[in-house]
Amino acid sequence: MTRAELDRLADAALATLGDYGPTFRACILFAAYVGLRPAELFMLRWTDVDFGRHEVRIRQSLGSTGDVTLPKNGQARTVTQPPPARDALVEMPRRADSPYVFTTRTGKRFSKTSHYYYWHAVRSSCGRPGMDFYELRHFCATELLRLGVSHADVAVQLGHTDGGALVMSTYGHPSEDEARERLRRAYAPDVRRLRAAE
């Protein structure tokens, strides 16, 4: 998924969900740029979001039976909040009656079922009826790799504890052309120095 496709998907929430659209639009963009698992996103509280440090603390996850658990791998973690994710939260209407960042239209914490209700409407209206919400997490990994972030650093953002092995095997490099451009930029200072010496 490209950034343009992600923007179209997020904007479909505005067209599909009426006055609730801005909230679900923010949910889509935040999930895509931060890379949280859906179950972590459902449990995210405003007290977990540090706008000043551009960080998000992942402390809980919603278990498959509705129980509150630790995140996968049994560890809380702190991840970065890229500018597009931060902007999405700032632009989103904030409910004073809930500690949760993302809620249903009535202000309740998401469950898998309630979240699916909104997600299904948005993805269908955007012409992607089979798209899994988890694909937004894949967008995060691919986007970070495209920007030149190391596999190990992407693993930290996603909450993997394998040092980047899963990221490497699953995503590799999204584009060989972009990889070559990053390599050229890495050596740009040396090339400029050599040209100046000639």
N, C-alpha and C. Protein backbone atom coordinates (compact mmCIF):
# COMPACT_ATOMS: atom_id res chain seq x y z
N MET A 1 0.84 -1.18 0.00
CA MET A 1 0.00 0.00 0.00
C MET A 1 0.89 1.24 0.00
N THR A 2 0.56 2.18 -0.86
CA THR A 2 1.31 3.43 -0.92
C THR A 2 0.68 4.45 0.04
N ARG A 3 1.38 5.55 0.25
CA ARG A 3 0.81 6.62 1.09
C ARG A 3 -0.47 7.16 0.48
N ALA A 4 -0.51 7.30 -0.84
CA ALA A 4 -1.71 7.81 -1.51
C ALA A 4 -2.89 6.86 -1.30
N GLU A 5 -2.64 5.56 -1.38
CA GLU A 5 -3.70 4.57 -1.14
C GLU A 5 -4.17 4.61 0.31
N LEU A 6 -3.22 4.79 1.23
CA LEU A 6 -3.59 4.91 2.64
C LEU A 6 -4.46 6.14 2.87
N ASP A 7 -4.09 7.26 2.26
CA ASP A 7 -4.87 8.48 2.41
C ASP A 7 -6.29 8.30 1.86
N ARG A 8 -6.40 7.60 0.73
CA ARG A 8 -7.73 7.35 0.16
C ARG A 8 -8.57 6.49 1.10
N LEU A 9 -7.94 5.50 1.68
CA LEU A 9 -8.63 4.62 2.63
C LEU A 9 -9.09 5.40 3.85
N ALA A 10 -8.20 6.21 4.40
CA ALA A 10 -8.55 7.00 5.58
C ALA A 10 -9.66 8.00 5.26
N ASP A 11 -9.57 8.63 4.09
CA ASP A 11 -10.59 9.60 3.70
C ASP A 11 -11.94 8.94 3.44
N ALA A 12 -11.92 7.65 3.09
CA ALA A 12 -13.18 6.93 2.90
C ALA A 12 -13.97 6.88 4.20
N ALA A 13 -13.28 6.93 5.33
CA ALA A 13 -13.98 6.96 6.62
C ALA A 13 -14.83 8.22 6.74
N LEU A 14 -14.32 9.33 6.22
CA LEU A 14 -15.07 10.58 6.28
C LEU A 14 -16.34 10.49 5.44
N ALA A 15 -16.22 9.90 4.27
CA ALA A 15 -17.37 9.79 3.37
C ALA A 15 -18.38 8.75 3.83
N THR A 16 -17.91 7.72 4.53
CA THR A 16 -18.75 6.59 4.89
C THR A 16 -19.42 6.72 6.25
N LEU A 17 -18.71 7.31 7.21
CA LEU A 17 -19.17 7.25 8.60
C LEU A 17 -19.72 8.55 9.16
N GLY A 18 -19.91 9.54 8.32
CA GLY A 18 -20.54 10.79 8.76
C GLY A 18 -19.76 11.47 9.87
N ASP A 19 -20.46 11.88 10.93
CA ASP A 19 -19.81 12.63 12.00
C ASP A 19 -18.80 11.80 12.79
N TYR A 20 -18.88 10.48 12.66
CA TYR A 20 -17.90 9.61 13.32
C TYR A 20 -16.66 9.41 12.45
N GLY A 21 -16.75 9.81 11.20
CA GLY A 21 -15.66 9.61 10.24
C GLY A 21 -14.30 10.11 10.69
N PRO A 22 -14.20 11.35 11.26
CA PRO A 22 -12.89 11.84 11.68
C PRO A 22 -12.21 10.94 12.72
N THR A 23 -12.99 10.34 13.60
CA THR A 23 -12.41 9.46 14.61
C THR A 23 -11.84 8.20 13.97
N PHE A 24 -12.62 7.59 13.08
CA PHE A 24 -12.12 6.35 12.48
C PHE A 24 -11.02 6.63 11.47
N ARG A 25 -11.06 7.78 10.84
CA ARG A 25 -9.96 8.18 9.95
C ARG A 25 -8.66 8.24 10.75
N ALA A 26 -8.71 8.86 11.93
CA ALA A 26 -7.52 8.95 12.78
C ALA A 26 -7.07 7.57 13.22
N CYS A 27 -8.00 6.68 13.49
CA CYS A 27 -7.67 5.31 13.90
C CYS A 27 -6.88 4.61 12.79
N ILE A 28 -7.31 4.78 11.55
CA ILE A 28 -6.63 4.15 10.41
C ILE A 28 -5.22 4.72 10.25
N LEU A 29 -5.10 6.03 10.26
CA LEU A 29 -3.79 6.65 10.06
C LEU A 29 -2.84 6.35 11.20
N PHE A 30 -3.35 6.39 12.43
CA PHE A 30 -2.50 6.10 13.59
C PHE A 30 -2.00 4.66 13.53
N ALA A 31 -2.89 3.73 13.22
CA ALA A 31 -2.49 2.32 13.12
C ALA A 31 -1.43 2.13 12.04
N ALA A 32 -1.59 2.82 10.92
CA ALA A 32 -0.66 2.65 9.80
C ALA A 32 0.71 3.24 10.08
N TYR A 33 0.77 4.38 10.73
CA TYR A 33 2.06 5.03 10.94
C TYR A 33 2.76 4.60 12.22
N VAL A 34 2.02 4.12 13.21
CA VAL A 34 2.65 3.68 14.45
C VAL A 34 2.89 2.17 14.43
N GLY A 35 2.03 1.42 13.74
CA GLY A 35 2.24 -0.02 13.58
C GLY A 35 1.76 -0.87 14.73
N LEU A 36 0.80 -0.38 15.49
CA LEU A 36 0.28 -1.17 16.61
C LEU A 36 -0.54 -2.35 16.11
N ARG A 37 -0.55 -3.41 16.90
CA ARG A 37 -1.47 -4.51 16.63
C ARG A 37 -2.88 -4.00 16.96
N PRO A 38 -3.91 -4.46 16.25
CA PRO A 38 -5.26 -3.98 16.57
C PRO A 38 -5.63 -4.12 18.04
N ALA A 39 -5.28 -5.23 18.65
CA ALA A 39 -5.62 -5.45 20.06
C ALA A 39 -4.93 -4.44 20.98
N GLU A 40 -3.76 -3.94 20.57
CA GLU A 40 -3.07 -2.90 21.34
C GLU A 40 -3.74 -1.55 21.12
N LEU A 41 -4.17 -1.32 19.90
CA LEU A 41 -4.85 -0.07 19.56
C LEU A 41 -6.15 0.07 20.35
N PHE A 42 -6.86 -1.04 20.53
CA PHE A 42 -8.13 -1.00 21.26
C PHE A 42 -7.95 -0.57 22.71
N MET A 43 -6.80 -0.85 23.31
CA MET A 43 -6.57 -0.58 24.73
C MET A 43 -5.79 0.71 24.97
N LEU A 44 -5.45 1.42 23.92
CA LEU A 44 -4.64 2.63 24.05
C LEU A 44 -5.40 3.74 24.77
N ARG A 45 -4.78 4.30 25.80
CA ARG A 45 -5.38 5.39 26.57
C ARG A 45 -4.64 6.69 26.28
N TRP A 46 -5.33 7.80 26.51
CA TRP A 46 -4.70 9.10 26.29
C TRP A 46 -3.47 9.28 27.18
N THR A 47 -3.47 8.68 28.35
CA THR A 47 -2.30 8.80 29.24
C THR A 47 -1.09 8.05 28.70
N ASP A 48 -1.30 7.21 27.69
CA ASP A 48 -0.19 6.48 27.06
C ASP A 48 0.48 7.29 25.94
N VAL A 49 -0.14 8.39 25.56
CA VAL A 49 0.34 9.20 24.43
C VAL A 49 1.10 10.41 24.96
N ASP A 50 2.37 10.50 24.59
CA ASP A 50 3.22 11.63 25.00
C ASP A 50 3.49 12.49 23.76
N PHE A 51 2.70 13.56 23.61
CA PHE A 51 2.84 14.41 22.45
C PHE A 51 4.18 15.15 22.45
N GLY A 52 4.66 15.52 23.62
CA GLY A 52 5.91 16.26 23.72
C GLY A 52 7.12 15.46 23.27
N ARG A 53 7.15 14.17 23.60
CA ARG A 53 8.28 13.31 23.24
C ARG A 53 8.02 12.52 21.95
N HIS A 54 6.83 12.68 21.37
CA HIS A 54 6.45 11.95 20.16
C HIS A 54 6.55 10.45 20.38
N GLU A 55 6.02 10.01 21.53
CA GLU A 55 6.08 8.59 21.89
C GLU A 55 4.71 8.09 22.31
N VAL A 56 4.57 6.77 22.24
CA VAL A 56 3.36 6.10 22.68
C VAL A 56 3.80 4.90 23.51
N ARG A 57 3.22 4.77 24.68
CA ARG A 57 3.53 3.64 25.56
C ARG A 57 2.46 2.57 25.36
N ILE A 58 2.89 1.38 24.99
CA ILE A 58 1.98 0.26 24.77
C ILE A 58 2.04 -0.61 26.02
N ARG A 59 0.98 -0.57 26.81
CA ARG A 59 0.98 -1.26 28.10
C ARG A 59 0.05 -2.46 28.14
N GLN A 60 -1.01 -2.43 27.30
CA GLN A 60 -2.03 -3.48 27.38
C GLN A 60 -2.47 -3.91 25.99
N SER A 61 -3.13 -5.05 25.98
CA SER A 61 -3.69 -5.59 24.75
C SER A 61 -5.03 -6.22 25.11
N LEU A 62 -5.92 -6.29 24.14
CA LEU A 62 -7.21 -6.93 24.36
C LEU A 62 -7.12 -8.38 23.90
N GLY A 63 -7.28 -9.30 24.85
CA GLY A 63 -7.17 -10.71 24.53
C GLY A 63 -8.32 -11.20 23.67
N SER A 64 -8.18 -12.39 23.12
CA SER A 64 -9.18 -12.94 22.21
C SER A 64 -10.51 -13.20 22.89
N THR A 65 -10.52 -13.36 24.21
CA THR A 65 -11.77 -13.58 24.93
C THR A 65 -12.27 -12.31 25.61
N GLY A 66 -11.67 -11.17 25.26
CA GLY A 66 -12.09 -9.90 25.84
C GLY A 66 -11.37 -9.52 27.12
N ASP A 67 -10.43 -10.35 27.54
CA ASP A 67 -9.67 -10.05 28.75
C ASP A 67 -8.53 -9.09 28.42
N VAL A 68 -8.12 -8.31 29.40
CA VAL A 68 -7.02 -7.37 29.23
C VAL A 68 -5.72 -8.08 29.60
N THR A 69 -4.76 -8.04 28.68
CA THR A 69 -3.49 -8.73 28.87
C THR A 69 -2.33 -7.76 28.63
N LEU A 70 -1.14 -8.26 28.87
CA LEU A 70 0.05 -7.53 28.44
C LEU A 70 0.15 -7.63 26.93
N PRO A 71 0.89 -6.72 26.29
CA PRO A 71 1.09 -6.85 24.84
C PRO A 71 1.76 -8.18 24.51
N LYS A 72 1.71 -8.53 23.24
CA LYS A 72 2.35 -9.77 22.79
C LYS A 72 3.80 -9.77 23.24
N ASN A 73 4.33 -10.90 23.54
CA ASN A 73 5.68 -11.11 24.09
C ASN A 73 5.74 -10.73 25.56
N GLY A 74 4.59 -10.33 26.15
CA GLY A 74 4.53 -10.09 27.60
C GLY A 74 5.25 -8.86 28.09
N GLN A 75 5.54 -7.93 27.18
CA GLN A 75 6.32 -6.75 27.56
C GLN A 75 5.65 -5.46 27.10
N ALA A 76 5.57 -4.50 28.01
CA ALA A 76 5.17 -3.15 27.60
C ALA A 76 6.32 -2.58 26.79
N ARG A 77 6.03 -1.63 25.93
CA ARG A 77 7.08 -1.02 25.12
C ARG A 77 6.70 0.42 24.80
N THR A 78 7.69 1.19 24.45
CA THR A 78 7.48 2.56 24.01
C THR A 78 7.88 2.65 22.55
N VAL A 79 7.01 3.25 21.74
CA VAL A 79 7.26 3.37 20.31
C VAL A 79 7.19 4.84 19.92
N THR A 80 7.72 5.15 18.76
CA THR A 80 7.67 6.53 18.29
C THR A 80 6.30 6.83 17.68
N GLN A 81 5.96 8.10 17.69
CA GLN A 81 4.71 8.57 17.10
C GLN A 81 5.09 9.53 15.96
N PRO A 82 5.14 9.02 14.72
CA PRO A 82 5.53 9.86 13.60
C PRO A 82 4.56 11.03 13.42
N PRO A 83 5.00 12.10 12.78
CA PRO A 83 4.13 13.27 12.59
C PRO A 83 2.76 12.98 12.00
N PRO A 84 2.63 12.10 10.97
CA PRO A 84 1.27 11.86 10.46
C PRO A 84 0.34 11.23 11.51
N ALA A 85 0.89 10.40 12.39
CA ALA A 85 0.08 9.79 13.45
C ALA A 85 -0.31 10.84 14.48
N ARG A 86 0.64 11.69 14.84
CA ARG A 86 0.36 12.76 15.79
C ARG A 86 -0.70 13.70 15.24
N ASP A 87 -0.54 14.09 13.98
CA ASP A 87 -1.50 15.01 13.35
C ASP A 87 -2.90 14.41 13.34
N ALA A 88 -2.99 13.11 13.06
CA ALA A 88 -4.30 12.44 13.04
C ALA A 88 -4.98 12.54 14.39
N LEU A 89 -4.21 12.36 15.48
CA LEU A 89 -4.79 12.47 16.82
C LEU A 89 -5.20 13.89 17.15
N VAL A 90 -4.38 14.84 16.77
CA VAL A 90 -4.67 16.25 17.08
C VAL A 90 -5.95 16.69 16.36
N GLU A 91 -6.15 16.22 15.13
CA GLU A 91 -7.31 16.61 14.34
C GLU A 91 -8.58 15.86 14.73
N MET A 92 -8.44 14.77 15.48
CA MET A 92 -9.59 13.94 15.82
C MET A 92 -10.37 14.54 16.98
N PRO A 93 -11.71 14.48 16.94
CA PRO A 93 -12.48 14.91 18.11
C PRO A 93 -12.15 14.01 19.30
N ARG A 94 -11.95 14.62 20.44
CA ARG A 94 -11.58 13.85 21.64
C ARG A 94 -12.77 13.79 22.59
N ARG A 95 -13.09 12.59 23.05
CA ARG A 95 -14.20 12.39 23.96
C ARG A 95 -13.72 12.63 25.40
N ALA A 96 -14.46 13.44 26.11
CA ALA A 96 -14.12 13.71 27.52
C ALA A 96 -14.61 12.61 28.44
N ASP A 97 -15.50 11.75 27.93
CA ASP A 97 -16.11 10.72 28.78
C ASP A 97 -15.43 9.36 28.69
N SER A 98 -14.26 9.29 28.04
CA SER A 98 -13.57 8.00 27.91
C SER A 98 -12.06 8.20 28.03
N PRO A 99 -11.39 7.29 28.73
CA PRO A 99 -9.93 7.38 28.81
C PRO A 99 -9.25 6.81 27.56
N TYR A 100 -10.03 6.14 26.70
CA TYR A 100 -9.46 5.48 25.53
C TYR A 100 -9.33 6.45 24.37
N VAL A 101 -8.26 6.27 23.60
CA VAL A 101 -8.02 7.14 22.46
C VAL A 101 -9.06 6.87 21.37
N PHE A 102 -9.25 5.61 21.04
CA PHE A 102 -10.19 5.24 19.98
C PHE A 102 -11.38 4.50 20.57
N THR A 103 -12.55 5.01 20.28
CA THR A 103 -13.77 4.42 20.83
C THR A 103 -14.81 4.26 19.73
N THR A 104 -15.89 3.59 20.06
CA THR A 104 -17.03 3.49 19.16
C THR A 104 -17.73 4.84 19.09
N ARG A 105 -18.73 4.92 18.27
CA ARG A 105 -19.51 6.14 18.13
C ARG A 105 -20.13 6.57 19.48
N THR A 106 -20.44 5.59 20.34
CA THR A 106 -21.07 5.90 21.63
C THR A 106 -20.06 6.07 22.75
N GLY A 107 -18.78 6.02 22.43
CA GLY A 107 -17.75 6.27 23.44
C GLY A 107 -17.25 5.04 24.18
N LYS A 108 -17.65 3.85 23.73
CA LYS A 108 -17.19 2.62 24.39
C LYS A 108 -15.87 2.17 23.78
N ARG A 109 -15.11 1.46 24.59
CA ARG A 109 -13.85 0.89 24.10
C ARG A 109 -14.15 -0.11 22.99
N PHE A 110 -13.29 -0.14 21.98
CA PHE A 110 -13.48 -1.09 20.89
C PHE A 110 -13.37 -2.52 21.37
N SER A 111 -14.17 -3.37 20.79
CA SER A 111 -13.98 -4.82 20.83
C SER A 111 -13.66 -5.21 19.39
N LYS A 112 -13.27 -6.45 19.17
CA LYS A 112 -13.00 -6.88 17.80
C LYS A 112 -14.25 -6.72 16.94
N THR A 113 -15.41 -7.03 17.50
CA THR A 113 -16.66 -6.96 16.75
C THR A 113 -17.04 -5.53 16.41
N SER A 114 -16.98 -4.65 17.39
CA SER A 114 -17.38 -3.26 17.13
C SER A 114 -16.43 -2.58 16.16
N HIS A 115 -15.14 -2.87 16.30
CA HIS A 115 -14.17 -2.29 15.38
C HIS A 115 -14.42 -2.80 13.97
N TYR A 116 -14.69 -4.08 13.82
CA TYR A 116 -14.92 -4.68 12.51
C TYR A 116 -16.12 -4.03 11.82
N TYR A 117 -17.13 -3.68 12.58
CA TYR A 117 -18.33 -3.05 12.02
C TYR A 117 -17.95 -1.78 11.23
N TYR A 118 -17.14 -0.92 11.84
CA TYR A 118 -16.72 0.31 11.17
C TYR A 118 -15.73 0.02 10.05
N TRP A 119 -14.77 -0.84 10.34
CA TRP A 119 -13.72 -1.16 9.36
C TRP A 119 -14.32 -1.75 8.10
N HIS A 120 -15.27 -2.66 8.24
CA HIS A 120 -15.88 -3.30 7.08
C HIS A 120 -16.56 -2.26 6.19
N ALA A 121 -17.25 -1.31 6.78
CA ALA A 121 -17.92 -0.27 6.00
C ALA A 121 -16.91 0.58 5.23
N VAL A 122 -15.81 0.92 5.88
CA VAL A 122 -14.81 1.78 5.24
C VAL A 122 -14.08 1.05 4.13
N ARG A 123 -13.60 -0.14 4.40
CA ARG A 123 -12.83 -0.87 3.38
C ARG A 123 -13.71 -1.21 2.17
N SER A 124 -14.97 -1.52 2.41
CA SER A 124 -15.87 -1.83 1.30
C SER A 124 -16.12 -0.60 0.43
N SER A 125 -16.31 0.56 1.08
CA SER A 125 -16.57 1.78 0.31
C SER A 125 -15.35 2.21 -0.49
N CYS A 126 -14.18 1.74 -0.08
CA CYS A 126 -12.93 2.10 -0.75
C CYS A 126 -12.54 1.07 -1.82
N GLY A 127 -13.41 0.07 -2.03
CA GLY A 127 -13.12 -0.95 -3.03
C GLY A 127 -12.14 -2.01 -2.59
N ARG A 128 -11.96 -2.16 -1.26
CA ARG A 128 -11.04 -3.18 -0.74
C ARG A 128 -11.77 -4.05 0.29
N PRO A 129 -12.84 -4.74 -0.10
CA PRO A 129 -13.69 -5.45 0.85
C PRO A 129 -12.99 -6.58 1.61
N GLY A 130 -11.90 -7.09 1.08
CA GLY A 130 -11.20 -8.18 1.76
C GLY A 130 -9.99 -7.75 2.56
N MET A 131 -9.73 -6.45 2.62
CA MET A 131 -8.52 -5.97 3.30
C MET A 131 -8.62 -6.16 4.81
N ASP A 132 -7.61 -6.77 5.38
CA ASP A 132 -7.55 -6.96 6.83
C ASP A 132 -6.95 -5.70 7.46
N PHE A 133 -7.48 -5.28 8.60
CA PHE A 133 -6.96 -4.09 9.29
C PHE A 133 -5.48 -4.26 9.62
N TYR A 134 -5.05 -5.50 9.81
CA TYR A 134 -3.66 -5.80 10.14
C TYR A 134 -2.71 -5.35 9.03
N GLU A 135 -3.22 -5.19 7.81
CA GLU A 135 -2.37 -4.73 6.71
C GLU A 135 -1.81 -3.34 6.97
N LEU A 136 -2.47 -2.57 7.83
CA LEU A 136 -1.94 -1.25 8.18
C LEU A 136 -0.63 -1.38 8.95
N ARG A 137 -0.51 -2.43 9.72
CA ARG A 137 0.74 -2.71 10.43
C ARG A 137 1.84 -3.05 9.43
N HIS A 138 1.48 -3.77 8.38
CA HIS A 138 2.44 -4.07 7.32
C HIS A 138 2.87 -2.80 6.59
N PHE A 139 1.93 -1.88 6.41
CA PHE A 139 2.28 -0.60 5.80
C PHE A 139 3.36 0.08 6.63
N CYS A 140 3.20 0.07 7.94
CA CYS A 140 4.17 0.72 8.83
C CYS A 140 5.57 0.15 8.60
N ALA A 141 5.67 -1.16 8.62
CA ALA A 141 6.99 -1.79 8.44
C ALA A 141 7.59 -1.44 7.09
N THR A 142 6.80 -1.55 6.04
CA THR A 142 7.28 -1.26 4.70
C THR A 142 7.69 0.19 4.55
N GLU A 143 6.89 1.09 5.11
CA GLU A 143 7.18 2.52 5.02
C GLU A 143 8.49 2.85 5.75
N LEU A 144 8.70 2.26 6.92
CA LEU A 144 9.94 2.52 7.66
C LEU A 144 11.15 2.00 6.89
N LEU A 145 11.02 0.82 6.30
CA LEU A 145 12.12 0.29 5.49
C LEU A 145 12.38 1.19 4.28
N ARG A 146 11.32 1.67 3.66
CA ARG A 146 11.46 2.56 2.51
C ARG A 146 12.21 3.83 2.89
N LEU A 147 12.01 4.27 4.13
CA LEU A 147 12.69 5.48 4.62
C LEU A 147 14.13 5.22 5.05
N GLY A 148 14.54 3.96 5.00
CA GLY A 148 15.93 3.64 5.32
C GLY A 148 16.17 3.20 6.75
N VAL A 149 15.11 2.94 7.51
CA VAL A 149 15.25 2.48 8.89
C VAL A 149 15.71 1.02 8.87
N SER A 150 16.58 0.66 9.79
CA SER A 150 17.11 -0.71 9.81
C SER A 150 16.04 -1.71 10.22
N HIS A 151 16.26 -2.97 9.83
CA HIS A 151 15.33 -4.04 10.20
C HIS A 151 15.19 -4.14 11.72
N ALA A 152 16.31 -4.00 12.41
CA ALA A 152 16.28 -4.10 13.88
C ALA A 152 15.45 -2.98 14.48
N ASP A 153 15.57 -1.77 13.94
CA ASP A 153 14.80 -0.64 14.47
C ASP A 153 13.31 -0.78 14.15
N VAL A 154 12.99 -1.31 12.97
CA VAL A 154 11.59 -1.56 12.63
C VAL A 154 11.01 -2.59 13.61
N ALA A 155 11.81 -3.59 13.95
CA ALA A 155 11.35 -4.61 14.90
C ALA A 155 11.02 -3.99 16.26
N VAL A 156 11.80 -3.02 16.70
CA VAL A 156 11.52 -2.33 17.96
C VAL A 156 10.17 -1.63 17.88
N GLN A 157 9.91 -0.94 16.78
CA GLN A 157 8.65 -0.22 16.62
C GLN A 157 7.46 -1.19 16.63
N LEU A 158 7.62 -2.34 15.99
CA LEU A 158 6.53 -3.31 15.89
C LEU A 158 6.37 -4.18 17.13
N GLY A 159 7.35 -4.15 18.01
CA GLY A 159 7.26 -4.97 19.21
C GLY A 159 7.76 -6.39 19.02
N HIS A 160 8.59 -6.60 18.02
CA HIS A 160 9.22 -7.91 17.83
C HIS A 160 10.45 -8.00 18.73
N THR A 161 10.74 -9.19 19.18
CA THR A 161 11.89 -9.36 20.07
C THR A 161 12.99 -10.21 19.43
N ASP A 162 12.99 -10.30 18.11
CA ASP A 162 13.94 -11.17 17.41
C ASP A 162 15.08 -10.41 16.73
N GLY A 163 15.22 -9.13 17.06
CA GLY A 163 16.30 -8.33 16.48
C GLY A 163 16.13 -7.97 15.03
N GLY A 164 14.96 -8.20 14.47
CA GLY A 164 14.70 -7.82 13.08
C GLY A 164 14.60 -8.99 12.12
N ALA A 165 14.75 -10.22 12.60
CA ALA A 165 14.72 -11.38 11.71
C ALA A 165 13.38 -11.52 10.99
N LEU A 166 12.28 -11.35 11.72
CA LEU A 166 10.96 -11.46 11.08
C LEU A 166 10.73 -10.33 10.09
N VAL A 167 11.15 -9.15 10.43
CA VAL A 167 11.02 -8.01 9.51
C VAL A 167 11.81 -8.31 8.23
N MET A 168 13.02 -8.81 8.39
CA MET A 168 13.88 -9.12 7.24
C MET A 168 13.24 -10.19 6.35
N SER A 169 12.72 -11.24 6.96
CA SER A 169 12.16 -12.33 6.15
C SER A 169 10.81 -11.97 5.54
N THR A 170 10.05 -11.12 6.22
CA THR A 170 8.70 -10.79 5.74
C THR A 170 8.70 -9.66 4.73
N TYR A 171 9.50 -8.64 4.98
CA TYR A 171 9.43 -7.43 4.16
C TYR A 171 10.62 -7.20 3.26
N GLY A 172 11.83 -7.64 3.69
CA GLY A 172 13.02 -7.38 2.90
C GLY A 172 13.12 -5.90 2.58
N HIS A 173 13.46 -5.57 1.37
CA HIS A 173 13.47 -4.17 0.92
C HIS A 173 12.29 -3.97 -0.01
N PRO A 174 11.43 -3.00 0.28
CA PRO A 174 10.26 -2.79 -0.56
C PRO A 174 10.60 -2.43 -2.00
N SER A 175 11.74 -1.80 -2.25
CA SER A 175 12.09 -1.41 -3.61
C SER A 175 13.61 -1.39 -3.74
N GLU A 176 14.11 -2.11 -4.74
CA GLU A 176 15.56 -2.11 -4.96
C GLU A 176 16.04 -0.74 -5.41
N ASP A 177 15.24 -0.04 -6.21
CA ASP A 177 15.62 1.30 -6.65
C ASP A 177 15.76 2.24 -5.45
N GLU A 178 14.82 2.17 -4.53
CA GLU A 178 14.90 3.02 -3.34
C GLU A 178 16.08 2.63 -2.46
N ALA A 179 16.38 1.33 -2.39
CA ALA A 179 17.54 0.87 -1.61
C ALA A 179 18.83 1.44 -2.21
N ARG A 180 18.95 1.41 -3.54
CA ARG A 180 20.14 1.96 -4.18
C ARG A 180 20.26 3.47 -3.93
N GLU A 181 19.13 4.16 -3.95
CA GLU A 181 19.16 5.60 -3.69
C GLU A 181 19.61 5.89 -2.26
N ARG A 182 19.16 5.09 -1.30
CA ARG A 182 19.61 5.27 0.09
C ARG A 182 21.12 5.02 0.20
N LEU A 183 21.60 4.03 -0.53
CA LEU A 183 23.04 3.74 -0.51
C LEU A 183 23.82 4.90 -1.12
N ARG A 184 23.33 5.47 -2.21
CA ARG A 184 24.00 6.63 -2.82
C ARG A 184 24.04 7.80 -1.83
N ARG A 185 22.94 8.05 -1.15
CA ARG A 185 22.90 9.15 -0.17
C ARG A 185 23.87 8.89 0.98
N ALA A 186 24.01 7.63 1.36
CA ALA A 186 24.91 7.31 2.47
C ALA A 186 26.36 7.66 2.12
N TYR A 187 26.72 7.51 0.84
CA TYR A 187 28.09 7.80 0.42
C TYR A 187 28.25 9.19 -0.19
N ALA A 188 27.21 9.97 -0.21
CA ALA A 188 27.26 11.30 -0.83
C ALA A 188 28.38 12.18 -0.27
N PRO A 189 28.59 12.21 1.06
CA PRO A 189 29.69 13.06 1.56
C PRO A 189 31.06 12.65 1.01
N ASP A 190 31.29 11.33 0.87
CA ASP A 190 32.57 10.87 0.33
C ASP A 190 32.72 11.25 -1.14
N VAL A 191 31.64 11.14 -1.90
CA VAL A 191 31.68 11.50 -3.33
C VAL A 191 31.97 12.98 -3.48
N ARG A 192 31.33 13.82 -2.67
CA ARG A 192 31.58 15.27 -2.75
C ARG A 192 33.03 15.59 -2.39
N ARG A 193 33.58 14.89 -1.39
CA ARG A 193 34.96 15.12 -0.97
C ARG A 193 35.94 14.75 -2.10
N LEU A 194 35.65 13.61 -2.76
CA LEU A 194 36.53 13.17 -3.85
C LEU A 194 36.48 14.15 -5.03
N ARG A 195 35.28 14.62 -5.35
CA ARG A 195 35.15 15.56 -6.46
C ARG A 195 35.86 16.87 -6.15
N ALA A 196 35.79 17.31 -4.90
CA ALA A 196 36.45 18.56 -4.51
C ALA A 196 37.96 18.42 -4.60
N ALA A 197 38.48 17.19 -4.37
CA ALA A 197 39.92 16.98 -4.39
C ALA A 197 40.46 16.86 -5.82
N GLU A 198 39.59 16.58 -6.79
CA GLU A 198 40.06 16.39 -8.18
C GLU A 198 40.47 17.69 -8.84
